[in-house]
Protein backbone atom coordinates (compact mmCIF):
# COMPACT_ATOMS: atom_id res chain seq x y z
CA MET A 1 12.45 -0.52 -2.54
CA ASN A 2 15.92 1.19 -2.91
CA ALA A 3 17.86 4.07 -0.98
CA THR A 4 16.32 7.03 -2.10
CA ALA A 5 16.01 10.75 -0.96
CA THR A 6 12.97 10.34 1.76
CA PRO A 7 11.64 13.45 3.01
CA ALA A 8 9.04 12.40 0.61
CA LEU A 9 8.65 9.02 2.54
CA LYS A 10 8.38 10.54 6.06
CA GLU A 11 5.54 13.21 4.42
CA GLN A 12 3.50 9.63 3.26
CA TRP A 13 4.17 8.38 6.22
CA LEU A 14 2.88 11.36 8.54
CA ASN A 15 -0.11 12.05 6.09
CA PHE A 16 -1.32 8.13 6.39
CA ARG A 17 -0.79 8.82 10.09
CA THR A 18 -3.04 11.51 9.99
CA GLN A 19 -5.69 9.47 7.94
CA GLN A 20 -5.45 6.60 9.60
CA PRO A 21 -3.76 7.36 13.43
CA LYS A 22 -4.91 3.51 14.40
CA THR A 23 -2.99 1.48 12.02
CA ARG A 24 0.02 0.19 12.67
CA ILE A 25 3.38 0.84 11.32
CA ARG A 26 4.19 -2.65 10.06
CA ASP A 27 0.48 -2.39 8.15
CA ALA A 28 1.03 1.21 6.87
CA ALA A 29 4.55 0.12 5.44
CA ALA A 30 3.23 -2.30 3.56
CA GLN A 31 0.16 -0.23 2.04
CA LEU A 32 2.96 2.53 0.98
CA GLN A 33 5.24 -0.78 -0.93
CA VAL A 34 8.10 -0.08 1.45
CA SER A 35 9.50 -1.97 4.67
CA GLU A 36 8.82 -0.82 7.91
CA GLY A 37 12.64 -0.73 8.59
CA GLU A 38 12.77 2.33 5.59
CA LEU A 39 9.88 4.25 6.87
CA VAL A 40 12.03 3.96 10.72
CA ALA A 41 14.98 5.55 8.43
CA ALA A 42 13.15 7.87 6.74
CA CYS A 43 12.46 9.69 10.01
CA THR A 44 16.46 9.90 11.28
CA GLY A 45 17.05 13.19 12.66
CA ASN A 46 15.71 14.31 16.15
CA THR A 47 13.29 11.29 16.85
CA VAL A 48 15.45 8.58 15.04
CA LYS A 49 18.95 7.98 15.35
CA HIS A 50 21.11 5.04 13.83
CA LEU A 51 23.20 2.78 16.15
CA THR A 52 26.22 1.10 15.19
CA ASN A 53 25.89 -2.98 14.15
CA ASP A 54 28.11 -4.08 17.26
CA PHE A 55 24.85 -5.71 18.14
CA PRO A 56 26.69 -8.40 20.49
CA ALA A 57 27.77 -5.50 22.87
CA LEU A 58 24.45 -3.43 22.69
CA ILE A 59 22.56 -6.44 23.96
CA GLN A 60 25.45 -6.66 26.80
CA ALA A 61 24.37 -3.41 27.77
CA MET A 62 20.63 -3.94 28.05
CA PRO A 63 20.89 -4.87 31.83
CA ALA A 64 21.90 -1.52 32.73
CA LEU A 65 18.57 -0.47 31.53
CA GLY A 66 16.38 -2.08 34.49
CA LYS A 67 12.99 -3.06 33.59
CA VAL A 68 12.06 -2.59 29.71
CA MET A 69 9.70 -4.41 27.64
CA VAL A 70 10.95 -6.73 24.94
CA LEU A 71 8.51 -7.33 21.82
CA THR A 72 9.30 -10.19 19.16
CA ARG A 73 6.75 -10.72 16.42
CA ASN A 74 6.43 -12.76 13.02
CA GLU A 75 3.27 -12.27 10.17
CA HIS A 76 0.97 -13.55 12.33
CA CYS A 77 1.85 -13.57 15.97
CA VAL A 78 3.20 -10.99 18.43
CA ILE A 79 4.54 -11.73 21.68
CA GLU A 80 5.53 -8.96 24.61
CA ARG A 81 7.33 -9.93 27.89
CA LYS A 82 8.71 -7.26 30.41
CA GLY A 83 11.41 -7.74 32.92
CA ILE A 84 14.80 -7.07 32.94
CA PHE A 85 17.85 -8.86 30.84
CA GLU A 86 19.83 -11.02 33.46
CA ILE A 87 22.44 -13.58 32.31
CA ILE A 88 23.40 -12.61 28.59
CA ASN A 89 26.07 -15.05 26.39
CA THR A 90 27.10 -13.81 22.68
CA GLU A 91 30.11 -15.72 22.26
CA ASN A 92 28.58 -18.29 20.37
CA LYS A 93 28.80 -17.17 16.95
CA HIS A 94 25.54 -18.99 15.83
CA VAL A 95 23.23 -17.66 18.53
CA GLY A 96 23.30 -15.39 21.49
CA THR A 97 21.25 -16.10 24.36
CA VAL A 98 19.54 -14.14 27.09
CA LEU A 99 18.34 -15.79 30.20
CA GLY A 100 16.55 -14.98 32.81
CA LYS A 101 13.05 -15.46 34.87
CA ASP A 102 11.77 -12.57 32.73
CA ILE A 103 13.69 -11.74 29.27
CA ASP A 104 14.20 -15.29 27.25
CA LEU A 105 15.57 -14.83 23.93
CA ARG A 106 17.89 -16.56 21.33
CA MET A 107 19.28 -14.30 18.89
CA PHE A 108 20.68 -15.11 15.50
CA PHE A 109 22.94 -11.99 14.87
CA SER A 110 23.63 -13.31 11.17
CA ARG A 111 20.20 -11.73 10.90
CA TRP A 112 20.55 -8.43 12.32
CA LYS A 113 21.64 -5.36 9.97
CA TYR A 114 20.09 -2.33 11.43
CA ALA A 115 19.56 -0.64 14.72
CA PHE A 116 17.92 2.40 15.45
CA ALA A 117 17.25 4.51 18.56
CA LEU A 118 13.41 6.01 18.40
CA ASP A 119 12.61 9.04 20.98
CA ASN A 120 8.77 9.57 21.87
CA ASP A 121 6.87 11.10 19.16
CA ASP A 122 3.20 11.70 18.89
CA THR A 123 3.00 13.03 15.58
CA ILE A 124 5.30 10.36 14.10
CA GLY A 125 3.80 7.88 16.29
CA PHE A 126 6.74 6.64 17.71
CA LYS A 127 7.73 5.06 21.08
CA LYS A 128 11.03 5.50 22.96
CA SER A 129 12.42 1.99 22.04
CA ILE A 130 15.70 0.74 20.49
CA GLN A 131 14.30 -1.25 17.38
CA ILE A 132 16.37 -4.02 15.33
CA PHE A 133 15.57 -4.82 11.72
CA ASP A 134 16.55 -7.64 9.36
CA ALA A 135 18.67 -6.71 5.58
CA GLN A 136 15.03 -6.81 4.10
CA GLY A 137 13.80 -4.04 6.42
CA HIS A 138 11.69 -6.65 8.64
CA ALA A 139 11.49 -5.72 12.47
CA ILE A 140 13.35 -8.66 14.59
CA MET A 141 13.25 -7.15 17.99
CA LYS A 142 11.90 -4.13 19.65
CA ILE A 143 12.93 -3.01 23.00
CA PHE A 144 10.68 -0.38 24.71
CA ALA A 145 11.61 1.85 27.97
CA LEU A 146 9.09 1.86 30.70
CA GLU A 147 8.11 3.96 33.70
CA GLN A 148 10.44 1.92 35.56
CA THR A 149 13.93 2.19 33.04
CA HIS A 150 16.68 3.72 34.31
CA ALA A 151 16.71 6.92 31.92
CA ALA A 152 20.29 8.19 32.54
CA ALA A 153 21.17 4.55 31.65
CA TRP A 154 18.95 4.37 28.22
CA GLU A 155 20.45 8.07 27.50
CA LYS A 156 23.98 6.45 27.97
CA VAL A 157 23.39 3.43 25.68
CA ILE A 158 22.05 5.55 22.92
CA THR A 159 25.06 7.93 23.07
CA ASP A 160 27.91 4.96 23.55
CA PHE A 161 25.71 3.26 20.39
CA SER A 162 25.40 6.11 17.92
CA ALA A 163 26.28 5.59 14.47
CA ILE A 164 28.65 8.61 12.80
CA GLU A 165 26.48 8.28 9.99
CA GLN A 166 22.98 9.02 10.18
CA PRO A 167 21.66 8.74 6.63
CA ALA A 168 17.78 8.88 6.22
CA ALA A 169 17.40 5.84 4.04
CA ILE A 170 18.43 2.30 4.36
CA THR A 171 18.29 0.15 1.20
CA ALA A 172 15.90 -2.50 1.84
CA ALA A 173 17.66 -6.17 0.40
CA PRO A 174 15.38 -8.44 -1.63
CA ALA A 175 14.52 -11.57 0.30
CA PRO A 176 17.07 -14.49 0.43
CA ALA A 177 16.25 -17.37 -2.10
CA ALA A 178 13.49 -19.94 -0.26
CA THR A 179 15.25 -22.90 1.06
CA VAL A 180 14.68 -26.08 -0.78
CA TYR A 181 13.38 -29.48 1.37
CA ASN A 182 13.44 -32.85 0.41
CA ASP A 183 9.81 -33.91 1.85
CA ALA A 184 8.89 -35.46 -1.39
CA GLN A 185 11.74 -38.26 -1.68
CA ALA A 186 12.17 -38.44 2.68
CA ASP A 187 13.57 -41.75 3.88
CA THR A 188 11.05 -41.91 6.12
CA THR A 189 12.20 -45.14 7.83
CA ALA A 190 15.41 -43.10 8.57
CA PHE A 191 14.20 -40.41 9.96
CA LEU A 192 11.61 -41.73 12.01
CA GLU A 193 14.09 -44.06 13.85
CA GLY A 194 16.26 -40.79 14.22
CA TRP A 195 13.29 -39.02 15.84
CA ALA A 196 13.04 -42.52 18.35
CA ALA A 197 16.56 -42.13 19.11
CA LEU A 198 16.58 -38.07 20.53
CA GLN A 199 18.16 -37.52 23.68
CA ASP A 200 17.11 -33.78 23.41
CA THR A 201 14.62 -31.72 21.77
CA HIS A 202 17.24 -29.44 20.55
CA ASP A 203 18.58 -32.38 18.45
CA PHE A 204 15.55 -32.23 16.07
CA PHE A 205 16.32 -29.34 14.31
CA PRO A 206 20.05 -31.08 13.43
CA LEU A 207 17.85 -34.23 12.25
CA LEU A 208 15.71 -32.05 10.05
CA MET A 209 18.54 -30.61 8.55
CA LYS A 210 20.25 -33.73 8.27
CA HIS A 211 17.34 -35.10 6.14
CA LYS A 212 16.79 -31.85 4.38
CA LEU A 213 13.05 -31.87 5.80
CA SER A 214 10.74 -28.81 6.49
CA ARG A 215 8.90 -28.67 9.73
CA THR A 216 5.50 -28.99 8.32
CA GLY A 217 6.77 -32.09 6.08
CA ALA A 218 8.56 -33.69 8.62
CA LEU A 219 5.56 -33.75 11.48
CA LYS A 220 3.37 -35.28 8.39
CA LEU A 221 5.92 -38.43 8.29
CA ALA A 222 5.31 -38.81 11.57
CA ALA A 223 1.86 -38.51 11.83
CA GLY A 224 0.38 -41.11 14.47
CA LYS A 225 3.37 -42.27 15.90
CA PHE A 226 5.29 -38.54 17.31
CA THR A 227 2.56 -36.17 15.59
CA TYR A 228 -0.76 -35.79 15.89
CA PRO A 229 -2.63 -32.92 13.84
CA VAL A 230 -5.50 -30.91 16.00
CA GLY A 231 -8.08 -28.19 14.89
CA ALA A 232 -7.30 -24.55 14.98
CA ASP A 233 -8.83 -23.52 18.20
CA CYS A 234 -6.42 -25.69 19.86
CA VAL A 235 -4.63 -22.79 20.97
CA LYS A 236 -7.62 -21.01 22.80
CA THR A 237 -8.13 -24.34 24.18
CA LEU A 238 -4.76 -24.35 25.52
CA LEU A 239 -4.82 -20.86 26.78
CA ASN A 240 -8.10 -21.17 28.48
CA GLY A 241 -7.05 -24.38 29.77
CA ALA A 242 -3.48 -23.09 31.86
CA ALA A 243 -5.52 -20.01 32.76
CA ALA A 244 -8.46 -21.53 34.34
CA THR A 245 -6.09 -24.29 36.79
CA GLY A 246 -3.10 -21.64 36.80
CA LEU A 247 -0.32 -24.21 34.73
CA GLU A 248 2.65 -22.66 34.00
CA ILE A 249 3.68 -23.03 30.32
CA MET A 250 6.18 -22.17 27.63
CA VAL A 251 5.55 -19.59 24.35
CA PHE A 252 7.87 -19.61 21.73
CA VAL A 253 7.26 -16.94 19.02
CA GLY A 254 10.36 -15.89 16.57
CA ASN A 255 11.01 -14.85 13.29
CA PRO A 256 14.48 -15.87 11.61
CA GLY A 257 16.32 -13.26 13.81
CA ASN A 258 14.86 -13.80 16.78
CA ILE A 259 13.33 -16.28 19.41
CA GLU A 260 11.58 -14.44 22.37
CA ILE A 261 10.26 -17.42 25.22
CA HIS A 262 7.96 -16.50 27.64
CA THR A 263 7.83 -19.22 30.96
CA GLY A 264 4.87 -18.76 33.72
CA PRO A 265 1.52 -18.68 33.86
CA VAL A 266 -1.09 -16.88 31.80
CA GLU A 267 -4.05 -15.39 33.37
CA LYS A 268 -6.46 -13.18 31.25
CA ILE A 269 -7.48 -14.44 28.21
CA LEU A 270 -8.87 -12.19 25.56
CA GLU A 271 -10.98 -13.16 22.44
CA ILE A 272 -11.50 -11.01 19.49
CA PRO A 273 -12.74 -12.02 15.97
CA ASN A 274 -9.75 -13.59 14.57
CA TRP A 275 -7.79 -13.19 17.20
CA ILE A 276 -6.44 -14.51 20.98
CA ASN A 277 -5.25 -12.81 23.50
CA VAL A 278 -2.98 -12.92 26.61
CA MET A 279 -3.59 -9.21 27.95
CA ASP A 280 -1.07 -9.97 31.75
CA GLU A 281 0.43 -7.48 33.59
CA ASP A 282 4.03 -8.39 32.31
CA PHE A 283 2.88 -10.87 29.39
CA ASN A 284 1.23 -10.09 26.56
CA LEU A 285 0.31 -12.33 23.53
CA HIS A 286 -1.55 -11.64 19.93
CA LEU A 287 -1.82 -14.52 17.96
CA ARG A 288 -4.05 -14.26 14.71
CA THR A 289 -6.46 -17.69 14.52
CA ASP A 290 -7.70 -17.07 10.96
CA ALA A 291 -4.03 -17.59 9.85
CA ILE A 292 -3.41 -20.60 12.03
CA ALA A 293 -3.59 -23.76 8.44
CA GLN A 294 -1.74 -26.54 10.52
CA SER A 295 -2.02 -27.31 14.22
CA TRP A 296 0.10 -30.62 15.82
CA ILE A 297 0.64 -32.06 18.90
CA VAL A 298 4.04 -33.51 18.89
CA GLU A 299 5.87 -35.85 20.94
CA LYS A 300 10.11 -36.19 21.28
CA PRO A 301 12.01 -38.51 23.50
CA SER A 302 14.18 -37.28 25.41
CA ALA A 303 16.55 -38.09 28.23
CA ASP A 304 14.10 -37.07 30.87
CA GLY A 305 11.40 -38.63 29.19
CA ILE A 306 8.43 -37.39 26.17
CA VAL A 307 8.59 -33.87 25.88
CA THR A 308 4.90 -32.68 24.36
CA SER A 309 4.35 -29.28 22.25
CA LEU A 310 1.96 -27.90 20.23
CA GLU A 311 3.14 -25.98 17.35
CA VAL A 312 0.72 -23.82 15.01
CA PHE A 313 1.78 -22.99 11.49
CA ASP A 314 0.48 -20.81 8.62
CA ALA A 315 -0.56 -21.86 4.93
CA ALA A 316 3.25 -20.80 4.12
CA GLY A 317 4.49 -23.23 6.75
CA GLU A 318 6.07 -21.08 8.70
CA MET A 319 5.25 -21.44 12.40
CA ILE A 320 3.69 -18.83 14.09
CA ALA A 321 4.09 -20.09 17.56
CA GLN A 322 5.58 -23.47 20.01
CA PHE A 323 3.89 -24.11 23.33
CA PHE A 324 5.55 -26.46 25.90
CA GLY A 325 4.38 -27.03 29.77
CA LYS A 326 7.22 -24.96 32.01
CA ARG A 327 10.14 -27.37 32.22
CA LYS A 328 13.88 -27.64 32.85
CA PRO A 329 16.54 -30.09 31.48
CA GLY A 330 16.45 -33.23 34.02
CA SER A 331 13.03 -32.79 34.81
CA PRO A 332 10.21 -34.66 33.56
CA GLU A 333 7.49 -32.35 31.85
CA LEU A 334 4.51 -31.61 34.66
CA SER A 335 1.62 -34.34 34.74
CA GLU A 336 -0.82 -31.15 34.62
CA TRP A 337 0.61 -30.19 30.56
CA LYS A 338 0.55 -34.16 29.70
CA GLU A 339 -3.35 -33.76 30.81
CA LEU A 340 -4.17 -30.38 28.76
CA ALA A 341 -2.08 -31.80 25.90
CA ARG A 342 -4.38 -35.36 25.41
CA LYS A 343 -7.78 -33.44 26.01
CA ILE A 344 -6.69 -31.11 23.01
CA ARG A 345 -5.96 -34.53 20.86
CA THR A 346 -8.87 -36.39 21.91
CA ASN A 347 -11.00 -33.13 21.53
CA ASN A 348 -9.71 -32.51 17.76
């Protein structure tokens, strides 16, 4: 995936769209043996513009746009949330945050490499959006304009952040080396003692790092004490149960560069072969159920009592999605959420 003269790549993309107009660009890129970011860059010109890599400032400019749709995905799940950017903090060198009732993000800027502004173009298949990619050309986050989006503010952001250089190619870097874990040699007793002493769910990741454990390896070590394996139909059970009762839940979907969170009810659940979907007005979720290789109900102690989650993983041990009951620090989790998690456990 080296940077080359790309008229040929753009032509390949246009030909591909003619033959397979319904195939999404991510899947098309895989078939063309390039990254999605390379395909977007190949269309640089009237439809696509490179933006500067001042990513914190770019995110700080988002509230002026009004209502937008933010999309984050990984290999097997897509989350889409419509709303406005509210409270933004980009001062932490490790993670930037967007907090609000609609848009809720955890952004890892060290993974962000390229930003593009795309315009509506039916021929190329692009919609007006700002798209962020990592060094490998994988999409981290996309922000789409809606009818309610402030058009003048959108154009000002694109003008303010347009890069001086506008190359029609990017170089997709090799994937970073895989993290080496210590699952087989873990000190199980010490790890479980650390788990039992948790006071905040945010302390769980540092605990994994301390013991050099993968997440799935940690869940297996805690099986029967803090974690419980459940069947692959668990997400379907959860979403249908929440929809039937009006229970407000939290849905976390992420990739190495961003985590997007929905908090609230889910209403319209649509199941199609190999997929479970939420198709609400301001919230969509598309999760590939046939990719679920492991599913766990997980209990973590906290200062507010036990916090329960459902976590689903693919065959490589990568998290597909994570679900909680709606809660805020200082409040115990909802009894209705506990009951739904119990139902998922007992129906395993």
